[in-house]
Protein backbone atom coordinates (compact mmCIF):
# COMPACT_ATOMS: atom_id res chain seq x y z
CA MET A 1 -3.90 -53.01 16.78
CA ARG A 2 -6.05 -55.97 17.29
CA ALA A 3 -8.87 -56.68 14.92
CA HIS A 4 -11.58 -56.71 17.58
CA TYR A 5 -10.90 -52.99 18.43
CA ASP A 6 -13.23 -51.36 15.98
CA PHE A 7 -13.09 -47.64 16.71
CA SER A 8 -15.53 -46.71 14.00
CA LYS A 9 -18.36 -48.26 15.99
CA MET A 10 -17.38 -46.69 19.32
CA LYS A 11 -19.19 -43.60 20.51
CA GLY A 12 -17.08 -40.77 21.75
CA LYS A 13 -17.70 -39.18 25.12
CA LYS A 14 -16.77 -35.69 26.23
CA ASN A 15 -14.38 -35.43 29.20
CA PRO A 16 -16.55 -34.72 32.30
CA TYR A 17 -13.52 -33.24 34.08
CA ALA A 18 -12.62 -30.64 31.36
CA SER A 19 -14.46 -27.81 33.11
CA ARG A 20 -12.37 -28.44 36.25
CA LEU A 21 -9.10 -28.41 34.31
CA LYS A 22 -9.65 -25.02 32.64
CA ARG A 23 -9.89 -22.44 35.41
CA PRO A 24 -8.49 -18.91 35.51
CA ILE A 25 -5.59 -18.44 37.84
CA THR A 26 -4.11 -15.35 39.55
CA ILE A 27 -0.32 -14.83 39.80
CA ARG A 28 0.87 -12.06 41.96
CA LEU A 29 3.94 -10.29 40.56
CA ASP A 30 6.52 -8.21 42.27
CA LYS A 31 8.23 -5.44 40.35
CA GLY A 32 11.59 -7.26 40.39
CA THR A 33 10.30 -10.68 39.27
CA ALA A 34 7.56 -9.58 36.82
CA PRO A 35 9.59 -9.35 33.61
CA CYS A 36 11.15 -12.76 34.15
CA VAL A 37 7.82 -14.46 34.94
CA ILE A 38 6.04 -12.80 31.95
CA ARG A 39 8.81 -13.88 29.60
CA SER A 40 8.41 -17.54 30.67
CA PHE A 41 4.66 -17.51 29.78
CA ARG A 42 5.20 -16.13 26.22
């Protein structure tokens, strides 16, 4: 790292897009594909 990058003086900022990234989703499952899909999310 370069000497002029002093991260101790920088002020952090929260991500303004974080609320858009974390949204609930709905996945429709058929009886035949449900066990396979659920296993992939565990």
